[in-house]
Amino acid sequence: MSSPSKRREMDVMKLMMSDYNVETINDGLNEFNVDFHGPKESLYEGGIWKIRVELPDAYPYKSPSIGFVNKIFHPNVDELSGSVCLDVINQSWSPMFDPLNGDAASLMMKDREKYDKKVKEYCERYAKRENIMNYKAEEQSGEEDISEEESGSSDNDIAGHVDP
């Protein structure tokens, strides 16, 4: 076994042995979902997000691709795809630089009260355990319970396409 393979196996096993819920995809260690809880004392507290992780063959020399499966309102997460740019995360991120969600970044800078309200709204609507389970069921059945009229928008598809 080569060194990158050993490292991948070791890192994934550590994650699986932790308190995180990890679901492997296709019975391998290259793709998996991880459930993350919103940090305590933050706008995201109480929310649960399913994150899809893809480890490239060259991991750890090449960074993983990660994306949110359920929606989150954050300047550093593309709202439609759920993708996260690791280059931005690894730097000192600011909403002034490279936001993936320009609307979130703009709202954060111009009206923090409205931004906070929208984050909490998304947490309530998309990041509760029962909502994640409903999304999974809808994805498998191809049906969606929320109409465009109820949601106020037509972009209620589940995010989660990982940015390579």
N, C-alpha and C. Protein backbone atom coordinates (compact mmCIF):
# COMPACT_ATOMS: atom_id res chain seq x y z
N MET A 1 0.85 -1.19 0.00
CA MET A 1 0.00 0.00 0.00
C MET A 1 0.89 1.24 0.00
N SER A 2 0.56 2.18 -0.86
CA SER A 2 1.38 3.38 -0.96
C SER A 2 1.07 4.34 0.19
N SER A 3 1.94 5.29 0.39
CA SER A 3 1.80 6.25 1.49
C SER A 3 0.51 7.05 1.43
N PRO A 4 0.12 7.61 0.24
CA PRO A 4 -1.16 8.34 0.22
C PRO A 4 -2.34 7.45 0.59
N SER A 5 -2.33 6.19 0.17
CA SER A 5 -3.43 5.28 0.50
C SER A 5 -3.49 5.02 1.99
N LYS A 6 -2.33 4.86 2.62
CA LYS A 6 -2.29 4.64 4.07
C LYS A 6 -2.81 5.86 4.80
N ARG A 7 -2.41 7.02 4.34
CA ARG A 7 -2.85 8.26 4.98
C ARG A 7 -4.35 8.43 4.85
N ARG A 8 -4.88 8.17 3.65
CA ARG A 8 -6.33 8.28 3.42
C ARG A 8 -7.06 7.33 4.37
N GLU A 9 -6.62 6.09 4.41
CA GLU A 9 -7.25 5.09 5.26
C GLU A 9 -7.21 5.50 6.73
N MET A 10 -6.06 5.99 7.18
CA MET A 10 -5.89 6.41 8.57
C MET A 10 -6.82 7.60 8.89
N ASP A 11 -6.86 8.59 8.01
CA ASP A 11 -7.68 9.78 8.25
C ASP A 11 -9.17 9.44 8.26
N VAL A 12 -9.60 8.61 7.32
CA VAL A 12 -11.01 8.25 7.27
C VAL A 12 -11.39 7.41 8.49
N MET A 13 -10.52 6.50 8.88
CA MET A 13 -10.80 5.67 10.06
C MET A 13 -10.89 6.52 11.33
N LYS A 14 -10.00 7.51 11.46
CA LYS A 14 -10.08 8.43 12.61
C LYS A 14 -11.43 9.14 12.63
N LEU A 15 -11.86 9.60 11.47
CA LEU A 15 -13.14 10.29 11.36
C LEU A 15 -14.30 9.35 11.73
N MET A 16 -14.22 8.11 11.26
CA MET A 16 -15.28 7.14 11.55
C MET A 16 -15.31 6.76 13.03
N MET A 17 -14.18 6.81 13.69
CA MET A 17 -14.11 6.47 15.11
C MET A 17 -14.48 7.66 16.00
N SER A 18 -14.62 8.82 15.41
CA SER A 18 -14.97 10.03 16.17
C SER A 18 -16.46 10.04 16.46
N ASP A 19 -16.94 11.14 16.99
CA ASP A 19 -18.36 11.29 17.30
C ASP A 19 -19.20 11.67 16.08
N TYR A 20 -18.56 11.86 14.93
CA TYR A 20 -19.31 12.23 13.73
C TYR A 20 -19.99 11.01 13.12
N ASN A 21 -21.17 11.24 12.53
CA ASN A 21 -21.84 10.20 11.78
C ASN A 21 -21.24 10.21 10.37
N VAL A 22 -20.63 9.10 9.96
CA VAL A 22 -19.97 8.99 8.66
C VAL A 22 -20.63 7.87 7.87
N GLU A 23 -21.04 8.17 6.65
CA GLU A 23 -21.63 7.17 5.76
C GLU A 23 -20.74 7.06 4.53
N THR A 24 -20.15 5.89 4.30
CA THR A 24 -19.33 5.72 3.10
C THR A 24 -20.25 5.57 1.89
N ILE A 25 -19.73 5.94 0.74
CA ILE A 25 -20.46 5.84 -0.52
C ILE A 25 -19.72 4.83 -1.39
N ASN A 26 -20.45 3.91 -1.98
CA ASN A 26 -19.87 2.87 -2.84
C ASN A 26 -18.84 2.01 -2.11
N ASP A 27 -19.02 1.82 -0.82
CA ASP A 27 -18.17 0.93 -0.02
C ASP A 27 -16.68 1.23 -0.11
N GLY A 28 -16.33 2.46 -0.37
CA GLY A 28 -14.91 2.82 -0.45
C GLY A 28 -14.57 3.91 0.55
N LEU A 29 -13.32 4.30 0.56
CA LEU A 29 -12.87 5.36 1.47
C LEU A 29 -12.66 6.68 0.73
N ASN A 30 -12.97 6.73 -0.55
CA ASN A 30 -12.76 7.96 -1.32
C ASN A 30 -13.95 8.92 -1.26
N GLU A 31 -15.15 8.39 -1.02
CA GLU A 31 -16.35 9.23 -0.97
C GLU A 31 -17.17 8.87 0.25
N PHE A 32 -17.60 9.89 0.97
CA PHE A 32 -18.44 9.65 2.14
C PHE A 32 -19.16 10.92 2.53
N ASN A 33 -20.21 10.75 3.34
CA ASN A 33 -20.96 11.87 3.90
C ASN A 33 -20.69 11.93 5.39
N VAL A 34 -20.63 13.14 5.91
CA VAL A 34 -20.40 13.36 7.33
C VAL A 34 -21.45 14.34 7.82
N ASP A 35 -22.07 14.06 8.97
CA ASP A 35 -23.01 14.99 9.58
C ASP A 35 -22.25 15.91 10.53
N PHE A 36 -22.45 17.22 10.36
CA PHE A 36 -21.84 18.21 11.24
C PHE A 36 -22.94 19.01 11.92
N HIS A 37 -22.73 19.30 13.18
CA HIS A 37 -23.66 20.13 13.94
C HIS A 37 -23.13 21.55 13.95
N GLY A 38 -24.05 22.52 13.89
CA GLY A 38 -23.66 23.92 13.95
C GLY A 38 -22.96 24.21 15.27
N PRO A 39 -21.92 25.06 15.23
CA PRO A 39 -21.18 25.39 16.45
C PRO A 39 -22.06 26.03 17.51
N LYS A 40 -21.81 25.68 18.75
CA LYS A 40 -22.55 26.28 19.87
C LYS A 40 -22.30 27.78 19.89
N GLU A 41 -23.31 28.49 20.34
CA GLU A 41 -23.27 29.95 20.47
C GLU A 41 -22.99 30.64 19.14
N SER A 42 -23.44 30.03 18.04
CA SER A 42 -23.33 30.67 16.73
C SER A 42 -24.72 30.72 16.11
N LEU A 43 -24.85 31.42 15.00
CA LEU A 43 -26.14 31.47 14.29
C LEU A 43 -26.56 30.08 13.81
N TYR A 44 -25.60 29.20 13.66
CA TYR A 44 -25.85 27.86 13.11
C TYR A 44 -26.14 26.82 14.18
N GLU A 45 -26.13 27.22 15.45
CA GLU A 45 -26.38 26.28 16.54
C GLU A 45 -27.75 25.63 16.36
N GLY A 46 -27.79 24.32 16.56
CA GLY A 46 -29.03 23.57 16.42
C GLY A 46 -29.22 22.97 15.04
N GLY A 47 -28.42 23.41 14.08
CA GLY A 47 -28.53 22.87 12.73
C GLY A 47 -27.62 21.67 12.54
N ILE A 48 -28.01 20.81 11.62
CA ILE A 48 -27.20 19.65 11.26
C ILE A 48 -27.04 19.68 9.75
N TRP A 49 -25.80 19.62 9.31
CA TRP A 49 -25.53 19.63 7.88
C TRP A 49 -24.84 18.34 7.47
N LYS A 50 -25.31 17.81 6.35
CA LYS A 50 -24.67 16.64 5.77
C LYS A 50 -23.67 17.17 4.74
N ILE A 51 -22.42 16.77 4.92
CA ILE A 51 -21.34 17.20 4.05
C ILE A 51 -20.86 16.01 3.23
N ARG A 52 -20.75 16.19 1.93
CA ARG A 52 -20.21 15.15 1.06
C ARG A 52 -18.72 15.43 0.88
N VAL A 53 -17.91 14.40 1.07
CA VAL A 53 -16.46 14.53 0.97
C VAL A 53 -15.96 13.56 -0.10
N GLU A 54 -15.12 14.06 -0.98
CA GLU A 54 -14.46 13.22 -1.97
C GLU A 54 -12.96 13.42 -1.82
N LEU A 55 -12.27 12.31 -1.57
CA LEU A 55 -10.82 12.36 -1.44
C LEU A 55 -10.19 11.93 -2.77
N PRO A 56 -9.38 12.77 -3.37
CA PRO A 56 -8.75 12.41 -4.64
C PRO A 56 -7.70 11.31 -4.43
N ASP A 57 -7.35 10.63 -5.50
CA ASP A 57 -6.33 9.58 -5.40
C ASP A 57 -5.03 10.12 -4.83
N ALA A 58 -4.72 11.39 -5.11
CA ALA A 58 -3.47 11.98 -4.64
C ALA A 58 -3.56 12.55 -3.23
N TYR A 59 -4.68 12.34 -2.52
CA TYR A 59 -4.80 12.80 -1.14
C TYR A 59 -3.71 12.13 -0.31
N PRO A 60 -3.00 12.81 0.54
CA PRO A 60 -3.19 14.15 1.10
C PRO A 60 -2.44 15.25 0.35
N TYR A 61 -1.84 14.91 -0.78
CA TYR A 61 -1.10 15.92 -1.53
C TYR A 61 -2.02 16.83 -2.33
N LYS A 62 -3.24 16.37 -2.55
CA LYS A 62 -4.27 17.18 -3.19
C LYS A 62 -5.44 17.25 -2.22
N SER A 63 -6.01 18.42 -2.06
CA SER A 63 -7.06 18.61 -1.06
C SER A 63 -8.36 17.91 -1.45
N PRO A 64 -9.15 17.56 -0.43
CA PRO A 64 -10.46 16.94 -0.71
C PRO A 64 -11.43 17.96 -1.27
N SER A 65 -12.45 17.46 -1.93
CA SER A 65 -13.56 18.31 -2.38
C SER A 65 -14.68 18.08 -1.37
N ILE A 66 -15.28 19.17 -0.93
CA ILE A 66 -16.38 19.05 0.02
C ILE A 66 -17.55 19.90 -0.43
N GLY A 67 -18.74 19.47 -0.07
CA GLY A 67 -19.93 20.23 -0.41
C GLY A 67 -21.06 19.91 0.55
N PHE A 68 -21.89 20.89 0.78
CA PHE A 68 -23.05 20.71 1.65
C PHE A 68 -24.14 20.03 0.86
N VAL A 69 -24.75 19.01 1.44
CA VAL A 69 -25.85 18.31 0.80
C VAL A 69 -27.14 19.09 1.02
N ASN A 70 -27.36 19.54 2.25
CA ASN A 70 -28.53 20.38 2.51
C ASN A 70 -28.08 21.85 2.52
N LYS A 71 -29.03 22.72 2.28
CA LYS A 71 -28.71 24.14 2.10
C LYS A 71 -28.24 24.81 3.38
N ILE A 72 -27.33 25.76 3.18
CA ILE A 72 -26.85 26.61 4.26
C ILE A 72 -26.67 28.00 3.67
N PHE A 73 -26.97 29.02 4.46
CA PHE A 73 -26.79 30.39 4.00
C PHE A 73 -25.50 30.90 4.62
N HIS A 74 -24.47 30.99 3.80
CA HIS A 74 -23.15 31.41 4.27
C HIS A 74 -22.38 32.00 3.08
N PRO A 75 -21.65 33.08 3.27
CA PRO A 75 -20.92 33.69 2.16
C PRO A 75 -19.91 32.76 1.49
N ASN A 76 -19.44 31.75 2.19
CA ASN A 76 -18.40 30.90 1.66
C ASN A 76 -18.92 29.58 1.09
N VAL A 77 -20.23 29.46 0.96
CA VAL A 77 -20.83 28.24 0.41
C VAL A 77 -21.75 28.64 -0.72
N ASP A 78 -21.55 28.03 -1.89
CA ASP A 78 -22.42 28.28 -3.02
C ASP A 78 -23.80 27.71 -2.70
N GLU A 79 -24.81 28.56 -2.72
CA GLU A 79 -26.14 28.15 -2.27
C GLU A 79 -26.75 27.06 -3.15
N LEU A 80 -26.56 27.11 -4.43
CA LEU A 80 -27.18 26.13 -5.32
C LEU A 80 -26.45 24.79 -5.35
N SER A 81 -25.13 24.82 -5.41
CA SER A 81 -24.38 23.56 -5.52
C SER A 81 -23.94 23.02 -4.17
N GLY A 82 -23.85 23.88 -3.17
CA GLY A 82 -23.35 23.45 -1.86
C GLY A 82 -21.84 23.37 -1.79
N SER A 83 -21.16 23.75 -2.87
CA SER A 83 -19.70 23.61 -2.90
C SER A 83 -19.01 24.65 -2.03
N VAL A 84 -17.86 24.24 -1.54
CA VAL A 84 -17.03 25.07 -0.67
C VAL A 84 -15.66 25.13 -1.30
N CYS A 85 -15.09 26.31 -1.38
CA CYS A 85 -13.76 26.46 -1.93
C CYS A 85 -12.74 26.36 -0.81
N LEU A 86 -11.97 25.29 -0.80
CA LEU A 86 -10.99 25.09 0.26
C LEU A 86 -9.91 26.16 0.25
N ASP A 87 -9.58 26.70 -0.93
CA ASP A 87 -8.56 27.75 -0.98
C ASP A 87 -8.99 28.95 -0.15
N VAL A 88 -10.26 29.28 -0.22
CA VAL A 88 -10.78 30.42 0.55
C VAL A 88 -10.79 30.09 2.03
N ILE A 89 -11.18 28.87 2.40
CA ILE A 89 -11.24 28.48 3.80
C ILE A 89 -9.85 28.52 4.43
N ASN A 90 -8.85 28.09 3.70
CA ASN A 90 -7.50 28.01 4.24
C ASN A 90 -6.84 29.38 4.42
N GLN A 91 -7.43 30.41 3.83
CA GLN A 91 -6.90 31.75 4.00
C GLN A 91 -7.70 32.47 5.08
N SER A 92 -7.31 33.67 5.39
CA SER A 92 -8.10 34.48 6.32
C SER A 92 -9.27 35.03 5.52
N TRP A 93 -10.39 34.33 5.59
CA TRP A 93 -11.52 34.68 4.77
C TRP A 93 -12.23 35.91 5.31
N SER A 94 -12.73 36.70 4.41
CA SER A 94 -13.53 37.86 4.74
C SER A 94 -14.62 37.96 3.68
N PRO A 95 -15.81 38.46 3.99
CA PRO A 95 -16.85 38.56 2.98
C PRO A 95 -16.46 39.50 1.84
N MET A 96 -15.41 40.28 2.03
CA MET A 96 -14.96 41.18 0.96
C MET A 96 -14.20 40.43 -0.12
N PHE A 97 -13.67 39.24 0.18
CA PHE A 97 -12.83 38.51 -0.75
C PHE A 97 -13.48 37.20 -1.18
N ASP A 98 -13.62 37.01 -2.47
CA ASP A 98 -14.02 35.73 -3.05
C ASP A 98 -15.24 35.05 -2.43
N PRO A 99 -16.33 35.73 -2.19
CA PRO A 99 -17.47 35.00 -1.65
C PRO A 99 -18.07 34.09 -2.73
N LEU A 100 -18.44 32.90 -2.36
CA LEU A 100 -19.12 32.00 -3.29
C LEU A 100 -20.60 32.32 -3.35
N ASN A 101 -21.12 32.93 -2.30
CA ASN A 101 -22.52 33.36 -2.26
C ASN A 101 -22.50 34.87 -2.08
N GLY A 102 -22.51 35.57 -3.19
CA GLY A 102 -22.43 37.04 -3.17
C GLY A 102 -23.58 37.68 -2.43
N ASP A 103 -24.78 37.08 -2.53
CA ASP A 103 -25.93 37.64 -1.82
C ASP A 103 -25.72 37.57 -0.30
N ALA A 104 -25.21 36.44 0.17
CA ALA A 104 -24.97 36.29 1.61
C ALA A 104 -23.89 37.26 2.06
N ALA A 105 -22.82 37.39 1.28
CA ALA A 105 -21.73 38.29 1.66
C ALA A 105 -22.21 39.74 1.70
N SER A 106 -22.98 40.12 0.70
CA SER A 106 -23.50 41.49 0.64
C SER A 106 -24.44 41.77 1.82
N LEU A 107 -25.34 40.84 2.08
CA LEU A 107 -26.27 41.03 3.19
C LEU A 107 -25.53 41.08 4.52
N MET A 108 -24.52 40.24 4.68
CA MET A 108 -23.73 40.23 5.92
C MET A 108 -23.08 41.59 6.15
N MET A 109 -22.58 42.18 5.09
CA MET A 109 -21.88 43.46 5.23
C MET A 109 -22.83 44.65 5.36
N LYS A 110 -23.99 44.59 4.69
CA LYS A 110 -24.89 45.74 4.65
C LYS A 110 -25.96 45.73 5.74
N ASP A 111 -26.46 44.55 6.10
CA ASP A 111 -27.55 44.48 7.07
C ASP A 111 -27.40 43.20 7.89
N ARG A 112 -26.59 43.28 8.91
CA ARG A 112 -26.28 42.09 9.71
C ARG A 112 -27.52 41.48 10.35
N GLU A 113 -28.48 42.30 10.73
CA GLU A 113 -29.71 41.78 11.35
C GLU A 113 -30.48 40.89 10.37
N LYS A 114 -30.63 41.34 9.12
CA LYS A 114 -31.33 40.54 8.10
C LYS A 114 -30.53 39.29 7.76
N TYR A 115 -29.21 39.42 7.71
CA TYR A 115 -28.35 38.26 7.44
C TYR A 115 -28.55 37.21 8.54
N ASP A 116 -28.48 37.63 9.79
CA ASP A 116 -28.65 36.70 10.91
C ASP A 116 -30.01 36.00 10.84
N LYS A 117 -31.05 36.76 10.50
CA LYS A 117 -32.40 36.20 10.41
C LYS A 117 -32.46 35.15 9.30
N LYS A 118 -31.83 35.43 8.16
CA LYS A 118 -31.86 34.49 7.04
C LYS A 118 -31.07 33.22 7.37
N VAL A 119 -29.94 33.35 8.06
CA VAL A 119 -29.17 32.18 8.48
C VAL A 119 -30.03 31.29 9.36
N LYS A 120 -30.70 31.90 10.34
CA LYS A 120 -31.55 31.13 11.26
C LYS A 120 -32.73 30.49 10.53
N GLU A 121 -33.27 31.21 9.56
CA GLU A 121 -34.36 30.69 8.74
C GLU A 121 -33.91 29.43 7.99
N TYR A 122 -32.73 29.49 7.39
CA TYR A 122 -32.19 28.34 6.66
C TYR A 122 -31.91 27.18 7.61
N CYS A 123 -31.41 27.49 8.79
CA CYS A 123 -31.16 26.44 9.78
C CYS A 123 -32.47 25.72 10.11
N GLU A 124 -33.50 26.48 10.33
CA GLU A 124 -34.80 25.91 10.70
C GLU A 124 -35.39 25.10 9.54
N ARG A 125 -35.26 25.62 8.35
CA ARG A 125 -35.91 24.99 7.19
C ARG A 125 -35.13 23.81 6.61
N TYR A 126 -33.80 23.92 6.58
CA TYR A 126 -33.00 22.92 5.87
C TYR A 126 -32.07 22.09 6.74
N ALA A 127 -31.85 22.48 8.00
CA ALA A 127 -30.81 21.83 8.79
C ALA A 127 -31.32 21.15 10.06
N LYS A 128 -32.54 20.70 10.04
CA LYS A 128 -33.06 19.91 11.14
C LYS A 128 -33.01 18.45 10.71
N ARG A 129 -32.77 17.55 11.65
CA ARG A 129 -32.61 16.12 11.31
C ARG A 129 -33.76 15.62 10.44
N GLU A 130 -35.00 15.98 10.79
CA GLU A 130 -36.14 15.49 10.02
C GLU A 130 -36.11 16.02 8.59
N ASN A 131 -35.62 17.24 8.39
CA ASN A 131 -35.53 17.79 7.04
C ASN A 131 -34.49 17.05 6.20
N ILE A 132 -33.37 16.69 6.82
CA ILE A 132 -32.33 15.95 6.10
C ILE A 132 -32.89 14.61 5.66
N MET A 133 -33.61 13.94 6.55
CA MET A 133 -34.20 12.64 6.21
C MET A 133 -35.23 12.80 5.09
N ASN A 134 -36.05 13.86 5.15
CA ASN A 134 -37.04 14.10 4.10
C ASN A 134 -36.36 14.35 2.76
N TYR A 135 -35.25 15.10 2.75
CA TYR A 135 -34.53 15.37 1.51
C TYR A 135 -34.01 14.08 0.91
N LYS A 136 -33.49 13.21 1.77
CA LYS A 136 -32.96 11.93 1.31
C LYS A 136 -34.07 11.11 0.66
N ALA A 137 -35.24 11.07 1.29
CA ALA A 137 -36.38 10.33 0.76
C ALA A 137 -36.86 10.95 -0.55
N GLU A 138 -36.95 12.28 -0.60
CA GLU A 138 -37.38 12.97 -1.82
C GLU A 138 -36.40 12.71 -2.96
N GLU A 139 -35.12 12.74 -2.64
CA GLU A 139 -34.09 12.53 -3.65
C GLU A 139 -34.24 11.13 -4.25
N GLN A 140 -34.51 10.15 -3.41
CA GLN A 140 -34.65 8.78 -3.89
C GLN A 140 -35.95 8.59 -4.68
N SER A 141 -37.03 9.27 -4.28
CA SER A 141 -38.31 9.10 -4.96
C SER A 141 -38.46 10.07 -6.13
N GLY A 142 -37.65 11.11 -6.16
CA GLY A 142 -37.75 12.11 -7.22
C GLY A 142 -38.86 13.10 -7.00
N GLU A 143 -39.49 13.06 -5.82
CA GLU A 143 -40.59 13.97 -5.51
C GLU A 143 -40.11 15.07 -4.58
N GLU A 144 -40.88 16.16 -4.58
CA GLU A 144 -40.57 17.27 -3.68
C GLU A 144 -41.86 17.77 -3.07
N ASP A 145 -41.92 17.88 -1.74
CA ASP A 145 -43.13 18.29 -1.05
C ASP A 145 -43.35 19.79 -1.04
N ILE A 146 -42.30 20.57 -1.15
CA ILE A 146 -42.42 22.02 -1.04
C ILE A 146 -42.70 22.60 -2.42
N SER A 147 -43.80 23.30 -2.56
CA SER A 147 -44.11 23.92 -3.83
C SER A 147 -43.38 25.25 -3.94
N GLU A 148 -43.27 25.75 -5.16
CA GLU A 148 -42.59 27.03 -5.36
C GLU A 148 -43.34 28.14 -4.65
N GLU A 149 -44.68 28.05 -4.62
CA GLU A 149 -45.47 29.08 -3.95
C GLU A 149 -45.18 29.11 -2.46
N GLU A 150 -45.05 27.92 -1.83
CA GLU A 150 -44.79 27.86 -0.39
C GLU A 150 -43.40 28.37 -0.06
N SER A 151 -42.46 28.09 -0.93
CA SER A 151 -41.08 28.43 -0.62
C SER A 151 -40.72 29.85 -1.00
N GLY A 152 -41.43 30.41 -1.96
CA GLY A 152 -41.10 31.75 -2.40
C GLY A 152 -40.00 31.76 -3.44
N SER A 153 -39.46 30.59 -3.79
CA SER A 153 -38.43 30.52 -4.82
C SER A 153 -38.47 29.14 -5.45
N SER A 154 -37.77 29.01 -6.55
CA SER A 154 -37.75 27.72 -7.24
C SER A 154 -36.43 27.01 -7.06
N ASP A 155 -35.59 27.46 -6.16
CA ASP A 155 -34.26 26.85 -6.00
C ASP A 155 -34.20 25.98 -4.76
N ASN A 156 -35.24 25.18 -4.53
CA ASN A 156 -35.28 24.32 -3.35
C ASN A 156 -34.61 22.98 -3.56
N ASP A 157 -33.91 22.80 -4.67
CA ASP A 157 -33.20 21.54 -4.88
C ASP A 157 -32.16 21.39 -3.83
N ILE A 158 -31.86 20.15 -3.55
CA ILE A 158 -30.85 19.86 -2.55
C ILE A 158 -29.48 20.18 -3.13
N ALA A 159 -28.71 20.88 -2.35
CA ALA A 159 -27.35 21.18 -2.77
C ALA A 159 -26.52 19.93 -2.55
N GLY A 160 -25.28 19.97 -2.97
CA GLY A 160 -24.41 18.85 -2.65
C GLY A 160 -23.51 18.41 -3.76
N HIS A 161 -23.57 19.07 -4.90
CA HIS A 161 -22.62 18.74 -5.94
C HIS A 161 -21.27 19.28 -5.52
N VAL A 162 -20.33 18.40 -5.45
CA VAL A 162 -19.02 18.76 -4.92
C VAL A 162 -18.22 19.48 -5.97
N ASP A 163 -17.59 20.56 -5.58
CA ASP A 163 -16.74 21.34 -6.46
C ASP A 163 -15.37 20.66 -6.56
N PRO A 164 -14.99 20.23 -7.78
CA PRO A 164 -13.70 19.50 -7.90
C PRO A 164 -12.50 20.36 -7.59
